[in-house]
Every structure is written in C-alpha cells, then in structure tokens.
Amino acid sequence: MSAYVYILASKPNGTLYLGVTSDLVKRIYQHKSGETKGFTERHDVRNLVYFEIFDDIRNAIEREKALKFRKRKWKIELIEKDNPHWLDLYTTISGP
C-alpha cells in the first residue's frame, strides 16, 4: 500500500501545512471540502503543492517528521523545485 507526504499551501509563499496519508486523493478532498477541521480550515490551506510517494507508511511518517524540522525557506525551495508556479496538483491526482 502506498503512503504519501504532502504539502498544502494557502497561496504561493503563503501558509503551509505538512501531512501524511495512505489515501492522498481522499485526504486532499477532505481538506478542500472543509471536512478536516482545524488548522487547514482556519487558515484556508487547501492547495496541494507538493507530494512524495512511499511504499511503506513508516517511511512516509519518518519523512514527514524530517520535513517538519526543516525551515520554511527550505520547504519553499522544495516546492518550487518541482512546482515553480505553485499549481494546485489535486487535479493531476484526482482524475477528471
């Protein structure tokens, strides 16, 4: 079963949220629809701007913890390396 580490953003260079899940499409939908109460809802953090895929949830959790210790500037550089225009990647994973 695949696992994912993901970063959501409110806007380019905006508020960031880092998470881990075993079902990326469902989890991002929950953030976008407001089903997920808390930080992402309060700060309107709903755009999927980065994600990584893992074969094992334990590896994804380790990566998430490592990313959380990184400074904001490093996370922004990570996002912009693969997504320089801060596009919402949800449409690329959710299908038509």
N, C-alpha and C. Protein backbone atom coordinates (compact mmCIF):
# COMPACT_ATOMS: atom_id res chain seq x y z
N MET A 1 0.84 -1.18 0.00
CA MET A 1 0.00 0.00 0.00
C MET A 1 0.88 1.24 0.00
N SER A 2 0.57 2.18 -0.87
CA SER A 2 1.33 3.41 -0.95
C SER A 2 1.00 4.34 0.20
N ALA A 3 1.93 5.22 0.50
CA ALA A 3 1.75 6.26 1.51
C ALA A 3 2.32 7.55 0.92
N TYR A 4 1.83 8.66 1.43
CA TYR A 4 2.19 9.96 0.85
C TYR A 4 2.51 10.98 1.94
N VAL A 5 3.50 11.79 1.66
CA VAL A 5 3.76 13.01 2.42
C VAL A 5 3.34 14.14 1.50
N TYR A 6 2.62 15.11 2.03
CA TYR A 6 2.12 16.19 1.17
C TYR A 6 2.27 17.54 1.85
N ILE A 7 2.31 18.55 1.00
CA ILE A 7 2.33 19.94 1.49
C ILE A 7 1.18 20.67 0.82
N LEU A 8 0.38 21.32 1.65
CA LEU A 8 -0.69 22.20 1.18
C LEU A 8 -0.26 23.64 1.41
N ALA A 9 -0.79 24.54 0.59
CA ALA A 9 -0.50 25.97 0.74
C ALA A 9 -1.78 26.76 0.56
N SER A 10 -1.84 27.90 1.23
CA SER A 10 -3.00 28.79 1.07
C SER A 10 -2.90 29.57 -0.23
N LYS A 11 -1.66 29.86 -0.64
CA LYS A 11 -1.36 30.60 -1.87
C LYS A 11 0.15 30.52 -2.06
N PRO A 12 0.67 30.96 -3.19
CA PRO A 12 2.13 30.96 -3.35
C PRO A 12 2.81 31.70 -2.21
N ASN A 13 3.78 31.05 -1.60
CA ASN A 13 4.52 31.60 -0.46
C ASN A 13 3.63 31.89 0.74
N GLY A 14 2.46 31.29 0.78
CA GLY A 14 1.52 31.52 1.88
C GLY A 14 1.73 30.53 3.02
N THR A 15 0.68 30.32 3.77
CA THR A 15 0.70 29.39 4.89
C THR A 15 0.85 27.97 4.37
N LEU A 16 1.72 27.19 5.02
CA LEU A 16 1.97 25.81 4.61
C LEU A 16 1.46 24.83 5.66
N TYR A 17 1.07 23.65 5.18
CA TYR A 17 0.67 22.55 6.07
C TYR A 17 1.28 21.28 5.51
N LEU A 18 1.88 20.50 6.38
CA LEU A 18 2.54 19.26 6.01
C LEU A 18 1.79 18.09 6.63
N GLY A 19 1.50 17.05 5.83
CA GLY A 19 0.78 15.90 6.35
C GLY A 19 1.24 14.60 5.73
N VAL A 20 0.69 13.50 6.25
CA VAL A 20 0.98 12.16 5.75
C VAL A 20 -0.34 11.40 5.68
N THR A 21 -0.49 10.55 4.65
CA THR A 21 -1.73 9.80 4.47
C THR A 21 -1.48 8.56 3.64
N SER A 22 -2.41 7.62 3.71
CA SER A 22 -2.34 6.45 2.84
C SER A 22 -3.29 6.59 1.65
N ASP A 23 -4.11 7.63 1.65
CA ASP A 23 -5.05 7.87 0.54
C ASP A 23 -5.02 9.37 0.21
N LEU A 24 -4.13 9.75 -0.69
CA LEU A 24 -3.89 11.16 -0.98
C LEU A 24 -5.12 11.86 -1.56
N VAL A 25 -5.77 11.24 -2.52
CA VAL A 25 -6.94 11.87 -3.14
C VAL A 25 -8.02 12.14 -2.11
N LYS A 26 -8.34 11.15 -1.30
CA LYS A 26 -9.37 11.31 -0.28
C LYS A 26 -8.98 12.37 0.75
N ARG A 27 -7.73 12.34 1.19
CA ARG A 27 -7.28 13.28 2.23
C ARG A 27 -7.31 14.72 1.72
N ILE A 28 -6.86 14.95 0.52
CA ILE A 28 -6.86 16.32 -0.02
C ILE A 28 -8.30 16.78 -0.23
N TYR A 29 -9.17 15.88 -0.69
CA TYR A 29 -10.59 16.22 -0.81
C TYR A 29 -11.15 16.65 0.54
N GLN A 30 -10.79 15.96 1.61
CA GLN A 30 -11.26 16.32 2.94
C GLN A 30 -10.79 17.73 3.33
N HIS A 31 -9.55 18.06 3.00
CA HIS A 31 -9.06 19.42 3.28
C HIS A 31 -9.83 20.44 2.45
N LYS A 32 -10.01 20.17 1.17
CA LYS A 32 -10.67 21.11 0.27
C LYS A 32 -12.14 21.32 0.61
N SER A 33 -12.82 20.27 1.03
CA SER A 33 -14.26 20.35 1.31
C SER A 33 -14.57 20.90 2.70
N GLY A 34 -13.55 21.04 3.54
CA GLY A 34 -13.77 21.53 4.89
C GLY A 34 -14.10 20.43 5.88
N GLU A 35 -14.05 19.17 5.45
CA GLU A 35 -14.29 18.05 6.36
C GLU A 35 -13.23 17.99 7.45
N THR A 36 -12.04 18.42 7.11
CA THR A 36 -10.93 18.42 8.05
C THR A 36 -10.94 19.72 8.83
N LYS A 37 -11.37 19.66 10.06
CA LYS A 37 -11.44 20.85 10.90
C LYS A 37 -10.06 21.13 11.47
N GLY A 38 -9.83 22.36 11.84
CA GLY A 38 -8.56 22.70 12.47
C GLY A 38 -7.76 23.69 11.65
N PHE A 39 -6.45 23.49 11.67
CA PHE A 39 -5.51 24.44 11.08
C PHE A 39 -5.81 24.75 9.63
N THR A 40 -5.97 23.72 8.80
CA THR A 40 -6.14 23.97 7.36
C THR A 40 -7.44 24.71 7.07
N GLU A 41 -8.47 24.42 7.83
CA GLU A 41 -9.74 25.13 7.62
C GLU A 41 -9.63 26.59 8.10
N ARG A 42 -9.05 26.78 9.28
CA ARG A 42 -8.92 28.14 9.84
C ARG A 42 -8.08 29.05 8.95
N HIS A 43 -7.05 28.48 8.32
CA HIS A 43 -6.11 29.29 7.53
C HIS A 43 -6.31 29.15 6.03
N ASP A 44 -7.39 28.49 5.61
CA ASP A 44 -7.73 28.30 4.20
C ASP A 44 -6.56 27.70 3.42
N VAL A 45 -5.98 26.66 3.97
CA VAL A 45 -4.84 25.98 3.36
C VAL A 45 -5.39 24.75 2.63
N ARG A 46 -5.58 24.87 1.31
CA ARG A 46 -6.28 23.82 0.57
C ARG A 46 -5.63 23.40 -0.74
N ASN A 47 -4.56 24.04 -1.14
CA ASN A 47 -3.94 23.74 -2.43
C ASN A 47 -2.79 22.75 -2.26
N LEU A 48 -2.89 21.61 -2.93
CA LEU A 48 -1.82 20.61 -2.90
C LEU A 48 -0.69 21.11 -3.80
N VAL A 49 0.44 21.43 -3.20
CA VAL A 49 1.55 21.99 -3.99
C VAL A 49 2.75 21.05 -4.07
N TYR A 50 2.75 19.98 -3.27
CA TYR A 50 3.89 19.07 -3.27
C TYR A 50 3.46 17.74 -2.64
N PHE A 51 3.98 16.64 -3.18
CA PHE A 51 3.79 15.36 -2.50
C PHE A 51 4.89 14.38 -2.91
N GLU A 52 5.11 13.42 -2.05
CA GLU A 52 6.06 12.34 -2.29
C GLU A 52 5.33 11.03 -2.04
N ILE A 53 5.70 9.98 -2.77
CA ILE A 53 5.08 8.66 -2.65
C ILE A 53 6.08 7.69 -2.01
N PHE A 54 5.56 6.86 -1.09
CA PHE A 54 6.37 5.85 -0.41
C PHE A 54 5.68 4.50 -0.48
N ASP A 55 6.46 3.44 -0.42
CA ASP A 55 5.91 2.09 -0.41
C ASP A 55 5.42 1.67 0.97
N ASP A 56 5.88 2.35 2.00
CA ASP A 56 5.59 1.96 3.37
C ASP A 56 5.21 3.19 4.19
N ILE A 57 4.14 3.11 4.94
CA ILE A 57 3.68 4.24 5.74
C ILE A 57 4.73 4.68 6.76
N ARG A 58 5.51 3.74 7.27
CA ARG A 58 6.54 4.10 8.25
C ARG A 58 7.59 5.02 7.65
N ASN A 59 7.95 4.76 6.39
CA ASN A 59 8.91 5.63 5.70
C ASN A 59 8.31 7.01 5.46
N ALA A 60 7.04 7.05 5.14
CA ALA A 60 6.37 8.34 4.93
C ALA A 60 6.33 9.15 6.22
N ILE A 61 6.04 8.48 7.33
CA ILE A 61 6.00 9.17 8.63
C ILE A 61 7.38 9.70 9.00
N GLU A 62 8.42 8.91 8.75
CA GLU A 62 9.79 9.37 9.01
C GLU A 62 10.12 10.61 8.18
N ARG A 63 9.74 10.58 6.90
CA ARG A 63 10.00 11.72 6.01
C ARG A 63 9.22 12.95 6.48
N GLU A 64 7.97 12.76 6.86
CA GLU A 64 7.17 13.89 7.36
C GLU A 64 7.85 14.53 8.56
N LYS A 65 8.30 13.72 9.49
CA LYS A 65 8.98 14.25 10.68
C LYS A 65 10.24 15.02 10.29
N ALA A 66 11.00 14.48 9.34
CA ALA A 66 12.22 15.15 8.90
C ALA A 66 11.89 16.49 8.24
N LEU A 67 10.85 16.52 7.42
CA LEU A 67 10.46 17.77 6.75
C LEU A 67 9.97 18.81 7.74
N LYS A 68 9.28 18.39 8.77
CA LYS A 68 8.76 19.33 9.76
C LYS A 68 9.88 20.07 10.49
N PHE A 69 11.05 19.45 10.59
CA PHE A 69 12.18 20.10 11.24
C PHE A 69 12.90 21.09 10.33
N ARG A 70 12.63 21.04 9.05
CA ARG A 70 13.27 21.95 8.11
C ARG A 70 12.68 23.35 8.22
N LYS A 71 13.47 24.32 7.89
CA LYS A 71 12.99 25.71 7.92
C LYS A 71 12.06 25.97 6.75
N ARG A 72 11.22 26.98 6.91
CA ARG A 72 10.24 27.36 5.90
C ARG A 72 10.90 27.60 4.53
N LYS A 73 12.01 28.31 4.53
CA LYS A 73 12.72 28.63 3.28
C LYS A 73 13.09 27.35 2.53
N TRP A 74 13.54 26.34 3.23
CA TRP A 74 13.91 25.07 2.63
C TRP A 74 12.68 24.39 2.02
N LYS A 75 11.55 24.43 2.73
CA LYS A 75 10.31 23.83 2.23
C LYS A 75 9.83 24.55 0.97
N ILE A 76 9.95 25.86 0.94
CA ILE A 76 9.55 26.63 -0.24
C ILE A 76 10.43 26.25 -1.43
N GLU A 77 11.72 26.11 -1.20
CA GLU A 77 12.63 25.69 -2.27
C GLU A 77 12.29 24.28 -2.76
N LEU A 78 11.90 23.39 -1.86
CA LEU A 78 11.49 22.04 -2.23
C LEU A 78 10.26 22.09 -3.14
N ILE A 79 9.28 22.88 -2.77
CA ILE A 79 8.06 23.04 -3.57
C ILE A 79 8.41 23.60 -4.95
N GLU A 80 9.17 24.69 -4.96
CA GLU A 80 9.44 25.40 -6.21
C GLU A 80 10.35 24.62 -7.16
N LYS A 81 11.09 23.65 -6.63
CA LYS A 81 11.93 22.81 -7.50
C LYS A 81 11.07 22.05 -8.50
N ASP A 82 9.95 21.50 -8.04
CA ASP A 82 9.07 20.72 -8.91
C ASP A 82 7.80 21.46 -9.33
N ASN A 83 7.45 22.50 -8.62
CA ASN A 83 6.19 23.22 -8.87
C ASN A 83 6.44 24.73 -8.74
N PRO A 84 7.21 25.30 -9.66
CA PRO A 84 7.61 26.72 -9.53
C PRO A 84 6.45 27.70 -9.57
N HIS A 85 5.33 27.31 -10.14
CA HIS A 85 4.18 28.22 -10.23
C HIS A 85 3.13 27.95 -9.15
N TRP A 86 3.46 27.08 -8.22
CA TRP A 86 2.58 26.75 -7.10
C TRP A 86 1.19 26.31 -7.58
N LEU A 87 1.16 25.50 -8.63
CA LEU A 87 -0.11 24.99 -9.14
C LEU A 87 -0.72 24.02 -8.15
N ASP A 88 -2.04 23.98 -8.10
CA ASP A 88 -2.74 23.02 -7.27
C ASP A 88 -2.69 21.67 -7.98
N LEU A 89 -1.97 20.72 -7.42
CA LEU A 89 -1.73 19.42 -8.04
C LEU A 89 -2.89 18.45 -7.84
N TYR A 90 -3.91 18.86 -7.14
CA TYR A 90 -5.04 17.97 -6.87
C TYR A 90 -5.66 17.45 -8.17
N THR A 91 -5.77 18.30 -9.17
CA THR A 91 -6.40 17.86 -10.42
C THR A 91 -5.54 16.80 -11.13
N THR A 92 -4.25 16.78 -10.88
CA THR A 92 -3.40 15.78 -11.51
C THR A 92 -3.52 14.42 -10.85
N ILE A 93 -4.01 14.37 -9.61
CA ILE A 93 -4.13 13.08 -8.91
C ILE A 93 -5.57 12.61 -8.81
N SER A 94 -6.54 13.50 -8.99
CA SER A 94 -7.94 13.15 -8.76
C SER A 94 -8.67 12.67 -9.99
N GLY A 95 -8.08 12.88 -11.16
CA GLY A 95 -8.74 12.47 -12.40
C GLY A 95 -9.80 13.47 -12.83
N PRO A 96 -10.52 13.13 -13.91
CA PRO A 96 -11.50 14.08 -14.46
C PRO A 96 -12.73 14.23 -13.57
